[in-house]
PDBML (XML) file of the C-alpha atoms, coordinates in Angstrom:
<?xml version="1.0" encoding="UTF-8" ?>
<PDBx:datablock datablockName="MODEL"
   xmlns:PDBx="http://pdbml.pdb.org/schema/pdbx-v50.xsd"
   xmlns:xsi="http://www.w3.org/2001/XMLSchema-instance"
   xsi:schemaLocation="http://pdbml.pdb.org/schema/pdbx-v50.xsd pdbx-v50.xsd">
   <PDBx:atom_siteCategory>
      <PDBx:atom_site id="1">
         <PDBx:B_iso_or_equiv>0.00</PDBx:B_iso_or_equiv>
         <PDBx:Cartn_x>37.521</PDBx:Cartn_x>
         <PDBx:Cartn_y>23.501</PDBx:Cartn_y>
         <PDBx:Cartn_z>-10.110</PDBx:Cartn_z>
         <PDBx:auth_asym_id>A</PDBx:auth_asym_id>
         <PDBx:auth_atom_id>CA</PDBx:auth_atom_id>
         <PDBx:auth_comp_id>ILE</PDBx:auth_comp_id>
         <PDBx:auth_seq_id>1</PDBx:auth_seq_id>
         <PDBx:group_PDB>ATOM</PDBx:group_PDB>
         <PDBx:label_alt_id xsi:nil="true" />
         <PDBx:label_asym_id>A</PDBx:label_asym_id>
         <PDBx:label_atom_id>CA</PDBx:label_atom_id>
         <PDBx:label_comp_id>ILE</PDBx:label_comp_id>
         <PDBx:label_entity_id>1</PDBx:label_entity_id>
         <PDBx:label_seq_id>1</PDBx:label_seq_id>
         <PDBx:occupancy>1.00</PDBx:occupancy>
         <PDBx:pdbx_PDB_model_num>1</PDBx:pdbx_PDB_model_num>
         <PDBx:type_symbol>C</PDBx:type_symbol>
      </PDBx:atom_site>
      <PDBx:atom_site id="2">
         <PDBx:B_iso_or_equiv>0.00</PDBx:B_iso_or_equiv>
         <PDBx:Cartn_x>38.076</PDBx:Cartn_x>
         <PDBx:Cartn_y>19.759</PDBx:Cartn_y>
         <PDBx:Cartn_z>-10.540</PDBx:Cartn_z>
         <PDBx:auth_asym_id>A</PDBx:auth_asym_id>
         <PDBx:auth_atom_id>CA</PDBx:auth_atom_id>
         <PDBx:auth_comp_id>GLU</PDBx:auth_comp_id>
         <PDBx:auth_seq_id>2</PDBx:auth_seq_id>
         <PDBx:group_PDB>ATOM</PDBx:group_PDB>
         <PDBx:label_alt_id xsi:nil="true" />
         <PDBx:label_asym_id>A</PDBx:label_asym_id>
         <PDBx:label_atom_id>CA</PDBx:label_atom_id>
         <PDBx:label_comp_id>GLU</PDBx:label_comp_id>
         <PDBx:label_entity_id>1</PDBx:label_entity_id>
         <PDBx:label_seq_id>2</PDBx:label_seq_id>
         <PDBx:occupancy>1.00</PDBx:occupancy>
         <PDBx:pdbx_PDB_model_num>1</PDBx:pdbx_PDB_model_num>
         <PDBx:type_symbol>C</PDBx:type_symbol>
      </PDBx:atom_site>
      <PDBx:atom_site id="3">
         <PDBx:B_iso_or_equiv>0.00</PDBx:B_iso_or_equiv>
         <PDBx:Cartn_x>37.050</PDBx:Cartn_x>
         <PDBx:Cartn_y>17.211</PDBx:Cartn_y>
         <PDBx:Cartn_z>-7.889</PDBx:Cartn_z>
         <PDBx:auth_asym_id>A</PDBx:auth_asym_id>
         <PDBx:auth_atom_id>CA</PDBx:auth_atom_id>
         <PDBx:auth_comp_id>PRO</PDBx:auth_comp_id>
         <PDBx:auth_seq_id>3</PDBx:auth_seq_id>
         <PDBx:group_PDB>ATOM</PDBx:group_PDB>
         <PDBx:label_alt_id xsi:nil="true" />
         <PDBx:label_asym_id>A</PDBx:label_asym_id>
         <PDBx:label_atom_id>CA</PDBx:label_atom_id>
         <PDBx:label_comp_id>PRO</PDBx:label_comp_id>
         <PDBx:label_entity_id>1</PDBx:label_entity_id>
         <PDBx:label_seq_id>3</PDBx:label_seq_id>
         <PDBx:occupancy>1.00</PDBx:occupancy>
         <PDBx:pdbx_PDB_model_num>1</PDBx:pdbx_PDB_model_num>
         <PDBx:type_symbol>C</PDBx:type_symbol>
      </PDBx:atom_site>
      <PDBx:atom_site id="4">
         <PDBx:B_iso_or_equiv>0.00</PDBx:B_iso_or_equiv>
         <PDBx:Cartn_x>39.288</PDBx:Cartn_x>
         <PDBx:Cartn_y>17.155</PDBx:Cartn_y>
         <PDBx:Cartn_z>-4.886</PDBx:Cartn_z>
         <PDBx:auth_asym_id>A</PDBx:auth_asym_id>
         <PDBx:auth_atom_id>CA</PDBx:auth_atom_id>
         <PDBx:auth_comp_id>GLY</PDBx:auth_comp_id>
         <PDBx:auth_seq_id>4</PDBx:auth_seq_id>
         <PDBx:group_PDB>ATOM</PDBx:group_PDB>
         <PDBx:label_alt_id xsi:nil="true" />
         <PDBx:label_asym_id>A</PDBx:label_asym_id>
         <PDBx:label_atom_id>CA</PDBx:label_atom_id>
         <PDBx:label_comp_id>GLY</PDBx:label_comp_id>
         <PDBx:label_entity_id>1</PDBx:label_entity_id>
         <PDBx:label_seq_id>4</PDBx:label_seq_id>
         <PDBx:occupancy>1.00</PDBx:occupancy>
         <PDBx:pdbx_PDB_model_num>1</PDBx:pdbx_PDB_model_num>
         <PDBx:type_symbol>C</PDBx:type_symbol>
      </PDBx:atom_site>
      <PDBx:atom_site id="5">
         <PDBx:B_iso_or_equiv>0.00</PDBx:B_iso_or_equiv>
         <PDBx:Cartn_x>40.186</PDBx:Cartn_x>
         <PDBx:Cartn_y>20.671</PDBx:Cartn_y>
         <PDBx:Cartn_z>-5.159</PDBx:Cartn_z>
         <PDBx:auth_asym_id>A</PDBx:auth_asym_id>
         <PDBx:auth_atom_id>CA</PDBx:auth_atom_id>
         <PDBx:auth_comp_id>TYR</PDBx:auth_comp_id>
         <PDBx:auth_seq_id>5</PDBx:auth_seq_id>
         <PDBx:group_PDB>ATOM</PDBx:group_PDB>
         <PDBx:label_alt_id xsi:nil="true" />
         <PDBx:label_asym_id>A</PDBx:label_asym_id>
         <PDBx:label_atom_id>CA</PDBx:label_atom_id>
         <PDBx:label_comp_id>TYR</PDBx:label_comp_id>
         <PDBx:label_entity_id>1</PDBx:label_entity_id>
         <PDBx:label_seq_id>5</PDBx:label_seq_id>
         <PDBx:occupancy>1.00</PDBx:occupancy>
         <PDBx:pdbx_PDB_model_num>1</PDBx:pdbx_PDB_model_num>
         <PDBx:type_symbol>C</PDBx:type_symbol>
      </PDBx:atom_site>
      <PDBx:atom_site id="6">
         <PDBx:B_iso_or_equiv>0.00</PDBx:B_iso_or_equiv>
         <PDBx:Cartn_x>39.327</PDBx:Cartn_x>
         <PDBx:Cartn_y>24.249</PDBx:Cartn_y>
         <PDBx:Cartn_z>-3.818</PDBx:Cartn_z>
         <PDBx:auth_asym_id>A</PDBx:auth_asym_id>
         <PDBx:auth_atom_id>CA</PDBx:auth_atom_id>
         <PDBx:auth_comp_id>PHE</PDBx:auth_comp_id>
         <PDBx:auth_seq_id>6</PDBx:auth_seq_id>
         <PDBx:group_PDB>ATOM</PDBx:group_PDB>
         <PDBx:label_alt_id xsi:nil="true" />
         <PDBx:label_asym_id>A</PDBx:label_asym_id>
         <PDBx:label_atom_id>CA</PDBx:label_atom_id>
         <PDBx:label_comp_id>PHE</PDBx:label_comp_id>
         <PDBx:label_entity_id>1</PDBx:label_entity_id>
         <PDBx:label_seq_id>6</PDBx:label_seq_id>
         <PDBx:occupancy>1.00</PDBx:occupancy>
         <PDBx:pdbx_PDB_model_num>1</PDBx:pdbx_PDB_model_num>
         <PDBx:type_symbol>C</PDBx:type_symbol>
      </PDBx:atom_site>
      <PDBx:atom_site id="7">
         <PDBx:B_iso_or_equiv>0.00</PDBx:B_iso_or_equiv>
         <PDBx:Cartn_x>39.798</PDBx:Cartn_x>
         <PDBx:Cartn_y>27.683</PDBx:Cartn_y>
         <PDBx:Cartn_z>-5.160</PDBx:Cartn_z>
         <PDBx:auth_asym_id>A</PDBx:auth_asym_id>
         <PDBx:auth_atom_id>CA</PDBx:auth_atom_id>
         <PDBx:auth_comp_id>GLU</PDBx:auth_comp_id>
         <PDBx:auth_seq_id>7</PDBx:auth_seq_id>
         <PDBx:group_PDB>ATOM</PDBx:group_PDB>
         <PDBx:label_alt_id xsi:nil="true" />
         <PDBx:label_asym_id>A</PDBx:label_asym_id>
         <PDBx:label_atom_id>CA</PDBx:label_atom_id>
         <PDBx:label_comp_id>GLU</PDBx:label_comp_id>
         <PDBx:label_entity_id>1</PDBx:label_entity_id>
         <PDBx:label_seq_id>7</PDBx:label_seq_id>
         <PDBx:occupancy>1.00</PDBx:occupancy>
         <PDBx:pdbx_PDB_model_num>1</PDBx:pdbx_PDB_model_num>
         <PDBx:type_symbol>C</PDBx:type_symbol>
      </PDBx:atom_site>
      <PDBx:atom_site id="8">
         <PDBx:B_iso_or_equiv>0.00</PDBx:B_iso_or_equiv>
         <PDBx:Cartn_x>40.026</PDBx:Cartn_x>
         <PDBx:Cartn_y>31.330</PDBx:Cartn_y>
         <PDBx:Cartn_z>-3.673</PDBx:Cartn_z>
         <PDBx:auth_asym_id>A</PDBx:auth_asym_id>
         <PDBx:auth_atom_id>CA</PDBx:auth_atom_id>
         <PDBx:auth_comp_id>LYS</PDBx:auth_comp_id>
         <PDBx:auth_seq_id>8</PDBx:auth_seq_id>
         <PDBx:group_PDB>ATOM</PDBx:group_PDB>
         <PDBx:label_alt_id xsi:nil="true" />
         <PDBx:label_asym_id>A</PDBx:label_asym_id>
         <PDBx:label_atom_id>CA</PDBx:label_atom_id>
         <PDBx:label_comp_id>LYS</PDBx:label_comp_id>
         <PDBx:label_entity_id>1</PDBx:label_entity_id>
         <PDBx:label_seq_id>8</PDBx:label_seq_id>
         <PDBx:occupancy>1.00</PDBx:occupancy>
         <PDBx:pdbx_PDB_model_num>1</PDBx:pdbx_PDB_model_num>
         <PDBx:type_symbol>C</PDBx:type_symbol>
      </PDBx:atom_site>
      <PDBx:atom_site id="9">
         <PDBx:B_iso_or_equiv>0.00</PDBx:B_iso_or_equiv>
         <PDBx:Cartn_x>38.315</PDBx:Cartn_x>
         <PDBx:Cartn_y>34.222</PDBx:Cartn_y>
         <PDBx:Cartn_z>-5.522</PDBx:Cartn_z>
         <PDBx:auth_asym_id>A</PDBx:auth_asym_id>
         <PDBx:auth_atom_id>CA</PDBx:auth_atom_id>
         <PDBx:auth_comp_id>PHE</PDBx:auth_comp_id>
         <PDBx:auth_seq_id>9</PDBx:auth_seq_id>
         <PDBx:group_PDB>ATOM</PDBx:group_PDB>
         <PDBx:label_alt_id xsi:nil="true" />
         <PDBx:label_asym_id>A</PDBx:label_asym_id>
         <PDBx:label_atom_id>CA</PDBx:label_atom_id>
         <PDBx:label_comp_id>PHE</PDBx:label_comp_id>
         <PDBx:label_entity_id>1</PDBx:label_entity_id>
         <PDBx:label_seq_id>9</PDBx:label_seq_id>
         <PDBx:occupancy>1.00</PDBx:occupancy>
         <PDBx:pdbx_PDB_model_num>1</PDBx:pdbx_PDB_model_num>
         <PDBx:type_symbol>C</PDBx:type_symbol>
      </PDBx:atom_site>
      <PDBx:atom_site id="10">
         <PDBx:B_iso_or_equiv>0.00</PDBx:B_iso_or_equiv>
         <PDBx:Cartn_x>39.761</PDBx:Cartn_x>
         <PDBx:Cartn_y>37.549</PDBx:Cartn_y>
         <PDBx:Cartn_z>-4.089</PDBx:Cartn_z>
         <PDBx:auth_asym_id>A</PDBx:auth_asym_id>
         <PDBx:auth_atom_id>CA</PDBx:auth_atom_id>
         <PDBx:auth_comp_id>PRO</PDBx:auth_comp_id>
         <PDBx:auth_seq_id>10</PDBx:auth_seq_id>
         <PDBx:group_PDB>ATOM</PDBx:group_PDB>
         <PDBx:label_alt_id xsi:nil="true" />
         <PDBx:label_asym_id>A</PDBx:label_asym_id>
         <PDBx:label_atom_id>CA</PDBx:label_atom_id>
         <PDBx:label_comp_id>PRO</PDBx:label_comp_id>
         <PDBx:label_entity_id>1</PDBx:label_entity_id>
         <PDBx:label_seq_id>10</PDBx:label_seq_id>
         <PDBx:occupancy>1.00</PDBx:occupancy>
         <PDBx:pdbx_PDB_model_num>1</PDBx:pdbx_PDB_model_num>
         <PDBx:type_symbol>C</PDBx:type_symbol>
      </PDBx:atom_site>
      <PDBx:atom_site id="11">
         <PDBx:B_iso_or_equiv>0.00</PDBx:B_iso_or_equiv>
         <PDBx:Cartn_x>37.948</PDBx:Cartn_x>
         <PDBx:Cartn_y>40.879</PDBx:Cartn_y>
         <PDBx:Cartn_z>-3.811</PDBx:Cartn_z>
         <PDBx:auth_asym_id>A</PDBx:auth_asym_id>
         <PDBx:auth_atom_id>CA</PDBx:auth_atom_id>
         <PDBx:auth_comp_id>LEU</PDBx:auth_comp_id>
         <PDBx:auth_seq_id>11</PDBx:auth_seq_id>
         <PDBx:group_PDB>ATOM</PDBx:group_PDB>
         <PDBx:label_alt_id xsi:nil="true" />
         <PDBx:label_asym_id>A</PDBx:label_asym_id>
         <PDBx:label_atom_id>CA</PDBx:label_atom_id>
         <PDBx:label_comp_id>LEU</PDBx:label_comp_id>
         <PDBx:label_entity_id>1</PDBx:label_entity_id>
         <PDBx:label_seq_id>11</PDBx:label_seq_id>
         <PDBx:occupancy>1.00</PDBx:occupancy>
         <PDBx:pdbx_PDB_model_num>1</PDBx:pdbx_PDB_model_num>
         <PDBx:type_symbol>C</PDBx:type_symbol>
      </PDBx:atom_site>
      <PDBx:atom_site id="12">
         <PDBx:B_iso_or_equiv>0.00</PDBx:B_iso_or_equiv>
         <PDBx:Cartn_x>38.822</PDBx:Cartn_x>
         <PDBx:Cartn_y>44.357</PDBx:Cartn_y>
         <PDBx:Cartn_z>-2.694</PDBx:Cartn_z>
         <PDBx:auth_asym_id>A</PDBx:auth_asym_id>
         <PDBx:auth_atom_id>CA</PDBx:auth_atom_id>
         <PDBx:auth_comp_id>SER</PDBx:auth_comp_id>
         <PDBx:auth_seq_id>12</PDBx:auth_seq_id>
         <PDBx:group_PDB>ATOM</PDBx:group_PDB>
         <PDBx:label_alt_id xsi:nil="true" />
         <PDBx:label_asym_id>A</PDBx:label_asym_id>
         <PDBx:label_atom_id>CA</PDBx:label_atom_id>
         <PDBx:label_comp_id>SER</PDBx:label_comp_id>
         <PDBx:label_entity_id>1</PDBx:label_entity_id>
         <PDBx:label_seq_id>12</PDBx:label_seq_id>
         <PDBx:occupancy>1.00</PDBx:occupancy>
         <PDBx:pdbx_PDB_model_num>1</PDBx:pdbx_PDB_model_num>
         <PDBx:type_symbol>C</PDBx:type_symbol>
      </PDBx:atom_site>
      <PDBx:atom_site id="13">
         <PDBx:B_iso_or_equiv>0.00</PDBx:B_iso_or_equiv>
         <PDBx:Cartn_x>35.820</PDBx:Cartn_x>
         <PDBx:Cartn_y>45.888</PDBx:Cartn_y>
         <PDBx:Cartn_z>-1.157</PDBx:Cartn_z>
         <PDBx:auth_asym_id>A</PDBx:auth_asym_id>
         <PDBx:auth_atom_id>CA</PDBx:auth_atom_id>
         <PDBx:auth_comp_id>ILE</PDBx:auth_comp_id>
         <PDBx:auth_seq_id>13</PDBx:auth_seq_id>
         <PDBx:group_PDB>ATOM</PDBx:group_PDB>
         <PDBx:label_alt_id xsi:nil="true" />
         <PDBx:label_asym_id>A</PDBx:label_asym_id>
         <PDBx:label_atom_id>CA</PDBx:label_atom_id>
         <PDBx:label_comp_id>ILE</PDBx:label_comp_id>
         <PDBx:label_entity_id>1</PDBx:label_entity_id>
         <PDBx:label_seq_id>13</PDBx:label_seq_id>
         <PDBx:occupancy>1.00</PDBx:occupancy>
         <PDBx:pdbx_PDB_model_num>1</PDBx:pdbx_PDB_model_num>
         <PDBx:type_symbol>C</PDBx:type_symbol>
      </PDBx:atom_site>
      <PDBx:atom_site id="14">
         <PDBx:B_iso_or_equiv>0.00</PDBx:B_iso_or_equiv>
         <PDBx:Cartn_x>34.826</PDBx:Cartn_x>
         <PDBx:Cartn_y>48.979</PDBx:Cartn_y>
         <PDBx:Cartn_z>0.415</PDBx:Cartn_z>
         <PDBx:auth_asym_id>A</PDBx:auth_asym_id>
         <PDBx:auth_atom_id>CA</PDBx:auth_atom_id>
         <PDBx:auth_comp_id>GLY</PDBx:auth_comp_id>
         <PDBx:auth_seq_id>14</PDBx:auth_seq_id>
         <PDBx:group_PDB>ATOM</PDBx:group_PDB>
         <PDBx:label_alt_id xsi:nil="true" />
         <PDBx:label_asym_id>A</PDBx:label_asym_id>
         <PDBx:label_atom_id>CA</PDBx:label_atom_id>
         <PDBx:label_comp_id>GLY</PDBx:label_comp_id>
         <PDBx:label_entity_id>1</PDBx:label_entity_id>
         <PDBx:label_seq_id>14</PDBx:label_seq_id>
         <PDBx:occupancy>1.00</PDBx:occupancy>
         <PDBx:pdbx_PDB_model_num>1</PDBx:pdbx_PDB_model_num>
         <PDBx:type_symbol>C</PDBx:type_symbol>
      </PDBx:atom_site>
      <PDBx:atom_site id="15">
         <PDBx:B_iso_or_equiv>0.00</PDBx:B_iso_or_equiv>
         <PDBx:Cartn_x>33.744</PDBx:Cartn_x>
         <PDBx:Cartn_y>51.335</PDBx:Cartn_y>
         <PDBx:Cartn_z>2.039</PDBx:Cartn_z>
         <PDBx:auth_asym_id>A</PDBx:auth_asym_id>
         <PDBx:auth_atom_id>CA</PDBx:auth_atom_id>
         <PDBx:auth_comp_id>GLN</PDBx:auth_comp_id>
         <PDBx:auth_seq_id>15</PDBx:auth_seq_id>
         <PDBx:group_PDB>ATOM</PDBx:group_PDB>
         <PDBx:label_alt_id xsi:nil="true" />
         <PDBx:label_asym_id>A</PDBx:label_asym_id>
         <PDBx:label_atom_id>CA</PDBx:label_atom_id>
         <PDBx:label_comp_id>GLN</PDBx:label_comp_id>
         <PDBx:label_entity_id>1</PDBx:label_entity_id>
         <PDBx:label_seq_id>15</PDBx:label_seq_id>
         <PDBx:occupancy>1.00</PDBx:occupancy>
         <PDBx:pdbx_PDB_model_num>1</PDBx:pdbx_PDB_model_num>
         <PDBx:type_symbol>C</PDBx:type_symbol>
      </PDBx:atom_site>
      <PDBx:atom_site id="16">
         <PDBx:B_iso_or_equiv>0.00</PDBx:B_iso_or_equiv>
         <PDBx:Cartn_x>32.641</PDBx:Cartn_x>
         <PDBx:Cartn_y>48.732</PDBx:Cartn_y>
         <PDBx:Cartn_z>4.816</PDBx:Cartn_z>
         <PDBx:auth_asym_id>A</PDBx:auth_asym_id>
         <PDBx:auth_atom_id>CA</PDBx:auth_atom_id>
         <PDBx:auth_comp_id>LEU</PDBx:auth_comp_id>
         <PDBx:auth_seq_id>16</PDBx:auth_seq_id>
         <PDBx:group_PDB>ATOM</PDBx:group_PDB>
         <PDBx:label_alt_id xsi:nil="true" />
         <PDBx:label_asym_id>A</PDBx:label_asym_id>
         <PDBx:label_atom_id>CA</PDBx:label_atom_id>
         <PDBx:label_comp_id>LEU</PDBx:label_comp_id>
         <PDBx:label_entity_id>1</PDBx:label_entity_id>
         <PDBx:label_seq_id>16</PDBx:label_seq_id>
         <PDBx:occupancy>1.00</PDBx:occupancy>
         <PDBx:pdbx_PDB_model_num>1</PDBx:pdbx_PDB_model_num>
         <PDBx:type_symbol>C</PDBx:type_symbol>
      </PDBx:atom_site>
      <PDBx:atom_site id="17">
         <PDBx:B_iso_or_equiv>0.00</PDBx:B_iso_or_equiv>
         <PDBx:Cartn_x>29.619</PDBx:Cartn_x>
         <PDBx:Cartn_y>49.994</PDBx:Cartn_y>
         <PDBx:Cartn_z>6.751</PDBx:Cartn_z>
         <PDBx:auth_asym_id>A</PDBx:auth_asym_id>
         <PDBx:auth_atom_id>CA</PDBx:auth_atom_id>
         <PDBx:auth_comp_id>PRO</PDBx:auth_comp_id>
         <PDBx:auth_seq_id>17</PDBx:auth_seq_id>
         <PDBx:group_PDB>ATOM</PDBx:group_PDB>
         <PDBx:label_alt_id xsi:nil="true" />
         <PDBx:label_asym_id>A</PDBx:label_asym_id>
         <PDBx:label_atom_id>CA</PDBx:label_atom_id>
         <PDBx:label_comp_id>PRO</PDBx:label_comp_id>
         <PDBx:label_entity_id>1</PDBx:label_entity_id>
         <PDBx:label_seq_id>17</PDBx:label_seq_id>
         <PDBx:occupancy>1.00</PDBx:occupancy>
         <PDBx:pdbx_PDB_model_num>1</PDBx:pdbx_PDB_model_num>
         <PDBx:type_symbol>C</PDBx:type_symbol>
      </PDBx:atom_site>
      <PDBx:atom_site id="18">
         <PDBx:B_iso_or_equiv>0.00</PDBx:B_iso_or_equiv>
         <PDBx:Cartn_x>30.185</PDBx:Cartn_x>
         <PDBx:Cartn_y>51.378</PDBx:Cartn_y>
         <PDBx:Cartn_z>10.196</PDBx:Cartn_z>
         <PDBx:auth_asym_id>A</PDBx:auth_asym_id>
         <PDBx:auth_atom_id>CA</PDBx:auth_atom_id>
         <PDBx:auth_comp_id>GLU</PDBx:auth_comp_id>
         <PDBx:auth_seq_id>18</PDBx:auth_seq_id>
         <PDBx:group_PDB>ATOM</PDBx:group_PDB>
         <PDBx:label_alt_id xsi:nil="true" />
         <PDBx:label_asym_id>A</PDBx:label_asym_id>
         <PDBx:label_atom_id>CA</PDBx:label_atom_id>
         <PDBx:label_comp_id>GLU</PDBx:label_comp_id>
         <PDBx:label_entity_id>1</PDBx:label_entity_id>
         <PDBx:label_seq_id>18</PDBx:label_seq_id>
         <PDBx:occupancy>1.00</PDBx:occupancy>
         <PDBx:pdbx_PDB_model_num>1</PDBx:pdbx_PDB_model_num>
         <PDBx:type_symbol>C</PDBx:type_symbol>
      </PDBx:atom_site>
      <PDBx:atom_site id="19">
         <PDBx:B_iso_or_equiv>0.00</PDBx:B_iso_or_equiv>
         <PDBx:Cartn_x>26.795</PDBx:Cartn_x>
         <PDBx:Cartn_y>50.408</PDBx:Cartn_y>
         <PDBx:Cartn_z>11.510</PDBx:Cartn_z>
         <PDBx:auth_asym_id>A</PDBx:auth_asym_id>
         <PDBx:auth_atom_id>CA</PDBx:auth_atom_id>
         <PDBx:auth_comp_id>ASP</PDBx:auth_comp_id>
         <PDBx:auth_seq_id>19</PDBx:auth_seq_id>
         <PDBx:group_PDB>ATOM</PDBx:group_PDB>
         <PDBx:label_alt_id xsi:nil="true" />
         <PDBx:label_asym_id>A</PDBx:label_asym_id>
         <PDBx:label_atom_id>CA</PDBx:label_atom_id>
         <PDBx:label_comp_id>ASP</PDBx:label_comp_id>
         <PDBx:label_entity_id>1</PDBx:label_entity_id>
         <PDBx:label_seq_id>19</PDBx:label_seq_id>
         <PDBx:occupancy>1.00</PDBx:occupancy>
         <PDBx:pdbx_PDB_model_num>1</PDBx:pdbx_PDB_model_num>
         <PDBx:type_symbol>C</PDBx:type_symbol>
      </PDBx:atom_site>
      <PDBx:atom_site id="20">
         <PDBx:B_iso_or_equiv>0.00</PDBx:B_iso_or_equiv>
         <PDBx:Cartn_x>26.919</PDBx:Cartn_x>
         <PDBx:Cartn_y>46.839</PDBx:Cartn_y>
         <PDBx:Cartn_z>10.808</PDBx:Cartn_z>
         <PDBx:auth_asym_id>A</PDBx:auth_asym_id>
         <PDBx:auth_atom_id>CA</PDBx:auth_atom_id>
         <PDBx:auth_comp_id>ALA</PDBx:auth_comp_id>
         <PDBx:auth_seq_id>20</PDBx:auth_seq_id>
         <PDBx:group_PDB>ATOM</PDBx:group_PDB>
         <PDBx:label_alt_id xsi:nil="true" />
         <PDBx:label_asym_id>A</PDBx:label_asym_id>
         <PDBx:label_atom_id>CA</PDBx:label_atom_id>
         <PDBx:label_comp_id>ALA</PDBx:label_comp_id>
         <PDBx:label_entity_id>1</PDBx:label_entity_id>
         <PDBx:label_seq_id>20</PDBx:label_seq_id>
         <PDBx:occupancy>1.00</PDBx:occupancy>
         <PDBx:pdbx_PDB_model_num>1</PDBx:pdbx_PDB_model_num>
         <PDBx:type_symbol>C</PDBx:type_symbol>
      </PDBx:atom_site>
      <PDBx:atom_site id="21">
         <PDBx:B_iso_or_equiv>0.00</PDBx:B_iso_or_equiv>
         <PDBx:Cartn_x>28.654</PDBx:Cartn_x>
         <PDBx:Cartn_y>43.829</PDBx:Cartn_y>
         <PDBx:Cartn_z>12.501</PDBx:Cartn_z>
         <PDBx:auth_asym_id>A</PDBx:auth_asym_id>
         <PDBx:auth_atom_id>CA</PDBx:auth_atom_id>
         <PDBx:auth_comp_id>ASP</PDBx:auth_comp_id>
         <PDBx:auth_seq_id>21</PDBx:auth_seq_id>
         <PDBx:group_PDB>ATOM</PDBx:group_PDB>
         <PDBx:label_alt_id xsi:nil="true" />
         <PDBx:label_asym_id>A</PDBx:label_asym_id>
         <PDBx:label_atom_id>CA</PDBx:label_atom_id>
         <PDBx:label_comp_id>ASP</PDBx:label_comp_id>
         <PDBx:label_entity_id>1</PDBx:label_entity_id>
         <PDBx:label_seq_id>21</PDBx:label_seq_id>
         <PDBx:occupancy>1.00</PDBx:occupancy>
         <PDBx:pdbx_PDB_model_num>1</PDBx:pdbx_PDB_model_num>
         <PDBx:type_symbol>C</PDBx:type_symbol>
      </PDBx:atom_site>
      <PDBx:atom_site id="22">
         <PDBx:B_iso_or_equiv>0.00</PDBx:B_iso_or_equiv>
         <PDBx:Cartn_x>28.701</PDBx:Cartn_x>
         <PDBx:Cartn_y>41.582</PDBx:Cartn_y>
         <PDBx:Cartn_z>9.445</PDBx:Cartn_z>
         <PDBx:auth_asym_id>A</PDBx:auth_asym_id>
         <PDBx:auth_atom_id>CA</PDBx:auth_atom_id>
         <PDBx:auth_comp_id>GLN</PDBx:auth_comp_id>
         <PDBx:auth_seq_id>22</PDBx:auth_seq_id>
         <PDBx:group_PDB>ATOM</PDBx:group_PDB>
         <PDBx:label_alt_id xsi:nil="true" />
         <PDBx:label_asym_id>A</PDBx:label_asym_id>
         <PDBx:label_atom_id>CA</PDBx:label_atom_id>
         <PDBx:label_comp_id>GLN</PDBx:label_comp_id>
         <PDBx:label_entity_id>1</PDBx:label_entity_id>
         <PDBx:label_seq_id>22</PDBx:label_seq_id>
         <PDBx:occupancy>1.00</PDBx:occupancy>
         <PDBx:pdbx_PDB_model_num>1</PDBx:pdbx_PDB_model_num>
         <PDBx:type_symbol>C</PDBx:type_symbol>
      </PDBx:atom_site>
      <PDBx:atom_site id="23">
         <PDBx:B_iso_or_equiv>0.00</PDBx:B_iso_or_equiv>
         <PDBx:Cartn_x>27.767</PDBx:Cartn_x>
         <PDBx:Cartn_y>41.373</PDBx:Cartn_y>
         <PDBx:Cartn_z>5.687</PDBx:Cartn_z>
         <PDBx:auth_asym_id>A</PDBx:auth_asym_id>
         <PDBx:auth_atom_id>CA</PDBx:auth_atom_id>
         <PDBx:auth_comp_id>LEU</PDBx:auth_comp_id>
         <PDBx:auth_seq_id>23</PDBx:auth_seq_id>
         <PDBx:group_PDB>ATOM</PDBx:group_PDB>
         <PDBx:label_alt_id xsi:nil="true" />
         <PDBx:label_asym_id>A</PDBx:label_asym_id>
         <PDBx:label_atom_id>CA</PDBx:label_atom_id>
         <PDBx:label_comp_id>LEU</PDBx:label_comp_id>
         <PDBx:label_entity_id>1</PDBx:label_entity_id>
         <PDBx:label_seq_id>23</PDBx:label_seq_id>
         <PDBx:occupancy>1.00</PDBx:occupancy>
         <PDBx:pdbx_PDB_model_num>1</PDBx:pdbx_PDB_model_num>
         <PDBx:type_symbol>C</PDBx:type_symbol>
      </PDBx:atom_site>
      <PDBx:atom_site id="24">
         <PDBx:B_iso_or_equiv>0.00</PDBx:B_iso_or_equiv>
         <PDBx:Cartn_x>26.075</PDBx:Cartn_x>
         <PDBx:Cartn_y>38.344</PDBx:Cartn_y>
         <PDBx:Cartn_z>4.305</PDBx:Cartn_z>
         <PDBx:auth_asym_id>A</PDBx:auth_asym_id>
         <PDBx:auth_atom_id>CA</PDBx:auth_atom_id>
         <PDBx:auth_comp_id>VAL</PDBx:auth_comp_id>
         <PDBx:auth_seq_id>24</PDBx:auth_seq_id>
         <PDBx:group_PDB>ATOM</PDBx:group_PDB>
         <PDBx:label_alt_id xsi:nil="true" />
         <PDBx:label_asym_id>A</PDBx:label_asym_id>
         <PDBx:label_atom_id>CA</PDBx:label_atom_id>
         <PDBx:label_comp_id>VAL</PDBx:label_comp_id>
         <PDBx:label_entity_id>1</PDBx:label_entity_id>
         <PDBx:label_seq_id>24</PDBx:label_seq_id>
         <PDBx:occupancy>1.00</PDBx:occupancy>
         <PDBx:pdbx_PDB_model_num>1</PDBx:pdbx_PDB_model_num>
         <PDBx:type_symbol>C</PDBx:type_symbol>
      </PDBx:atom_site>
      <PDBx:atom_site id="25">
         <PDBx:B_iso_or_equiv>0.00</PDBx:B_iso_or_equiv>
         <PDBx:Cartn_x>26.840</PDBx:Cartn_x>
         <PDBx:Cartn_y>37.414</PDBx:Cartn_y>
         <PDBx:Cartn_z>0.482</PDBx:Cartn_z>
         <PDBx:auth_asym_id>A</PDBx:auth_asym_id>
         <PDBx:auth_atom_id>CA</PDBx:auth_atom_id>
         <PDBx:auth_comp_id>PHE</PDBx:auth_comp_id>
         <PDBx:auth_seq_id>25</PDBx:auth_seq_id>
         <PDBx:group_PDB>ATOM</PDBx:group_PDB>
         <PDBx:label_alt_id xsi:nil="true" />
         <PDBx:label_asym_id>A</PDBx:label_asym_id>
         <PDBx:label_atom_id>CA</PDBx:label_atom_id>
         <PDBx:label_comp_id>PHE</PDBx:label_comp_id>
         <PDBx:label_entity_id>1</PDBx:label_entity_id>
         <PDBx:label_seq_id>25</PDBx:label_seq_id>
         <PDBx:occupancy>1.00</PDBx:occupancy>
         <PDBx:pdbx_PDB_model_num>1</PDBx:pdbx_PDB_model_num>
         <PDBx:type_symbol>C</PDBx:type_symbol>
      </PDBx:atom_site>
   </PDBx:atom_siteCategory>
</PDBx:datablock>
């Protein structure tokens, strides 16, 4: 990623927890 730019890094994730309101990466 060169200066002045950004990029998105996609992931498919699961199964998301049922007992949490957020996930910290």
